[in-house]
Amino acid sequence: MALSQQNLERHVQVTLPHILAIPAMIASTDLIVTVATRIANRFAKDYNLQMFSPPIALAGFDISMAWHQSTNNDKAIQWLRSELISIGQIIATGVQV
């Protein structure tokens, strides 16, 4: 949407099955990727990649969880969801809750 608002379009060269495949693939090419800052920081460190701010303003994004209704009352699944929420809050704010 950010590109289309400026009458620009993206040119997808590669689609990968998992985000962790990105750094190894782009490290040996002249391609670029747009990822969240925390992910980019790790990729840059581990693969000696350069980071740049995008030339246009980009909106943030939401992370969601989904589960089958039959697991609503499963204590282990409730615990796991609670842990994932806590981790998400730490990542989003940098503050442990």
C-alpha atoms as a PDB file:
ATOM      1  CA  MET A   1       0.000   0.000   0.000  1.00  0.00           C
ATOM      2  CA  ALA A   2       2.847   2.387   0.824  1.00  0.00           C
ATOM      3  CA  LEU A   3       4.263   1.949  -2.676  1.00  0.00           C
ATOM      4  CA  SER A   4       0.929   2.241  -4.477  1.00  0.00           C
ATOM      5  CA  GLN A   5       0.240   5.538  -2.697  1.00  0.00           C
ATOM      6  CA  GLN A   6       3.302   6.887  -4.520  1.00  0.00           C
ATOM      7  CA  ASN A   7       2.412   5.217  -7.831  1.00  0.00           C
ATOM      8  CA  LEU A   8       5.190   2.676  -7.360  1.00  0.00           C
ATOM      9  CA  GLU A   9       5.108  -1.095  -7.392  1.00  0.00           C
ATOM     10  CA  ARG A  10       7.325  -3.819  -6.012  1.00  0.00           C
ATOM     11  CA  HIS A  11       9.160  -6.311  -8.150  1.00  0.00           C
ATOM     12  CA  VAL A  12       9.229  -9.683  -6.421  1.00  0.00           C
ATOM     13  CA  GLN A  13      12.201 -11.767  -7.570  1.00  0.00           C
ATOM     14  CA  VAL A  14      12.063 -14.627  -5.071  1.00  0.00           C
ATOM     15  CA  THR A  15       9.506 -16.145  -2.731  1.00  0.00           C
ATOM     16  CA  LEU A  16      10.891 -18.187   0.146  1.00  0.00           C
ATOM     17  CA  PRO A  17       9.064 -20.717   2.324  1.00  0.00           C
ATOM     18  CA  HIS A  18      10.399 -19.380   5.615  1.00  0.00           C
ATOM     19  CA  ILE A  19      11.806 -16.108   6.929  1.00  0.00           C
ATOM     20  CA  LEU A  20      14.971 -17.820   8.184  1.00  0.00           C
ATOM     21  CA  ALA A  21      15.912 -18.644   4.586  1.00  0.00           C
ATOM     22  CA  ILE A  22      16.200 -14.941   3.746  1.00  0.00           C
ATOM     23  CA  PRO A  23      19.684 -13.967   4.943  1.00  0.00           C
ATOM     24  CA  ALA A  24      21.560 -16.855   3.345  1.00  0.00           C
ATOM     25  CA  MET A  25      19.775 -16.235   0.065  1.00  0.00           C
ATOM     26  CA  ILE A  26      20.239 -12.451  -0.115  1.00  0.00           C
ATOM     27  CA  ALA A  27      23.831 -12.517   1.175  1.00  0.00           C
ATOM     28  CA  SER A  28      25.006 -13.791  -2.207  1.00  0.00           C
ATOM     29  CA  THR A  29      22.822 -11.544  -4.395  1.00  0.00           C
ATOM     30  CA  ASP A  30      22.104  -7.881  -5.075  1.00  0.00           C
ATOM     31  CA  LEU A  31      18.512  -8.303  -3.838  1.00  0.00           C
ATOM     32  CA  ILE A  32      16.953  -6.468  -0.903  1.00  0.00           C
ATOM     33  CA  VAL A  33      14.307  -7.452   1.597  1.00  0.00           C
ATOM     34  CA  THR A  34      12.080  -5.531   3.966  1.00  0.00           C
ATOM     35  CA  VAL A  35      11.736  -7.154   7.382  1.00  0.00           C
ATOM     36  CA  ALA A  36      11.078  -6.016  10.943  1.00  0.00           C
ATOM     37  CA  THR A  37      13.997  -4.140  12.522  1.00  0.00           C
ATOM     38  CA  ARG A  38      14.739  -6.757  15.182  1.00  0.00           C
ATOM     39  CA  ILE A  39      14.915  -9.473  12.548  1.00  0.00           C
ATOM     40  CA  ALA A  40      17.045  -7.281  10.270  1.00  0.00           C
ATOM     41  CA  ASN A  41      19.477  -6.583  13.115  1.00  0.00           C
ATOM     42  CA  ARG A  42      20.017 -10.292  13.662  1.00  0.00           C
ATOM     43  CA  PHE A  43      20.343 -11.068   9.959  1.00  0.00           C
ATOM     44  CA  ALA A  44      22.819  -8.213   9.481  1.00  0.00           C
ATOM     45  CA  LYS A  45      24.969  -9.401  12.365  1.00  0.00           C
ATOM     46  CA  ASP A  46      24.956 -13.092  11.445  1.00  0.00           C
ATOM     47  CA  TYR A  47      25.462 -12.633   7.691  1.00  0.00           C
ATOM     48  CA  ASN A  48      27.421  -9.374   7.533  1.00  0.00           C
ATOM     49  CA  LEU A  49      24.584  -7.599   5.707  1.00  0.00           C
ATOM     50  CA  GLN A  50      24.048  -3.868   5.411  1.00  0.00           C
ATOM     51  CA  MET A  51      20.888  -2.296   6.797  1.00  0.00           C
ATOM     52  CA  PHE A  52      19.141   0.799   5.481  1.00  0.00           C
ATOM     53  CA  SER A  53      15.972   2.577   6.474  1.00  0.00           C
ATOM     54  CA  PRO A  54      13.221   2.291   3.866  1.00  0.00           C
ATOM     55  CA  PRO A  55      12.921   5.358   1.634  1.00  0.00           C
ATOM     56  CA  ILE A  56       9.185   5.525   2.372  1.00  0.00           C
ATOM     57  CA  ALA A  57       7.189   5.343   5.589  1.00  0.00           C
ATOM     58  CA  LEU A  58       5.973   1.821   6.339  1.00  0.00           C
ATOM     59  CA  ALA A  59       3.180   0.886   8.706  1.00  0.00           C
ATOM     60  CA  GLY A  60       3.719  -1.643  11.469  1.00  0.00           C
ATOM     61  CA  PHE A  61       2.073  -5.036  11.506  1.00  0.00           C
ATOM     62  CA  ASP A  62       0.016  -7.238  13.774  1.00  0.00           C
ATOM     63  CA  ILE A  63       0.846 -10.719  14.977  1.00  0.00           C
ATOM     64  CA  SER A  64      -2.068 -13.020  15.714  1.00  0.00           C
ATOM     65  CA  MET A  65      -2.672 -16.436  17.221  1.00  0.00           C
ATOM     66  CA  ALA A  66      -5.272 -18.935  16.137  1.00  0.00           C
ATOM     67  CA  TRP A  67      -6.253 -22.233  17.714  1.00  0.00           C
ATOM     68  CA  HIS A  68      -8.957 -24.818  17.449  1.00  0.00           C
ATOM     69  CA  GLN A  69     -11.980 -24.273  19.669  1.00  0.00           C
ATOM     70  CA  SER A  70     -11.510 -27.721  21.220  1.00  0.00           C
ATOM     71  CA  THR A  71      -8.286 -26.518  22.912  1.00  0.00           C
ATOM     72  CA  ASN A  72      -9.841 -23.498  24.648  1.00  0.00           C
ATOM     73  CA  ASN A  73      -9.890 -25.251  28.043  1.00  0.00           C
ATOM     74  CA  ASP A  74      -6.655 -27.224  27.670  1.00  0.00           C
ATOM     75  CA  LYS A  75      -4.403 -26.007  30.515  1.00  0.00           C
ATOM     76  CA  ALA A  76      -1.186 -26.707  28.608  1.00  0.00           C
ATOM     77  CA  ILE A  77      -2.400 -24.783  25.543  1.00  0.00           C
ATOM     78  CA  GLN A  78      -3.624 -21.928  27.750  1.00  0.00           C
ATOM     79  CA  TRP A  79      -0.147 -21.758  29.300  1.00  0.00           C
ATOM     80  CA  LEU A  80       1.516 -21.789  25.875  1.00  0.00           C
ATOM     81  CA  ARG A  81      -0.726 -18.972  24.598  1.00  0.00           C
ATOM     82  CA  SER A  82       0.051 -16.950  27.717  1.00  0.00           C
ATOM     83  CA  GLU A  83       3.795 -17.439  27.204  1.00  0.00           C
ATOM     84  CA  LEU A  84       3.550 -16.412  23.544  1.00  0.00           C
ATOM     85  CA  ILE A  85       1.622 -13.284  24.516  1.00  0.00           C
ATOM     86  CA  SER A  86       4.318 -12.392  27.080  1.00  0.00           C
ATOM     87  CA  ILE A  87       7.067 -12.917  24.515  1.00  0.00           C
ATOM     88  CA  GLY A  88       5.185 -10.762  22.010  1.00  0.00           C
ATOM     89  CA  GLN A  89       4.851  -7.975  24.556  1.00  0.00           C
ATOM     90  CA  ILE A  90       8.561  -8.106  25.334  1.00  0.00           C
ATOM     91  CA  ILE A  91       9.418  -7.956  21.641  1.00  0.00           C
ATOM     92  CA  ALA A  92       6.963  -5.126  20.950  1.00  0.00           C
ATOM     93  CA  THR A  93       7.950  -2.945  23.893  1.00  0.00           C
ATOM     94  CA  GLY A  94      11.365  -4.173  24.965  1.00  0.00           C
ATOM     95  CA  VAL A  95       9.960  -4.402  28.501  1.00  0.00           C
ATOM     96  CA  GLN A  96       9.476  -7.699  30.265  1.00  0.00           C
ATOM     97  CA  VAL A  97       6.017  -8.098  31.815  1.00  0.00           C
END
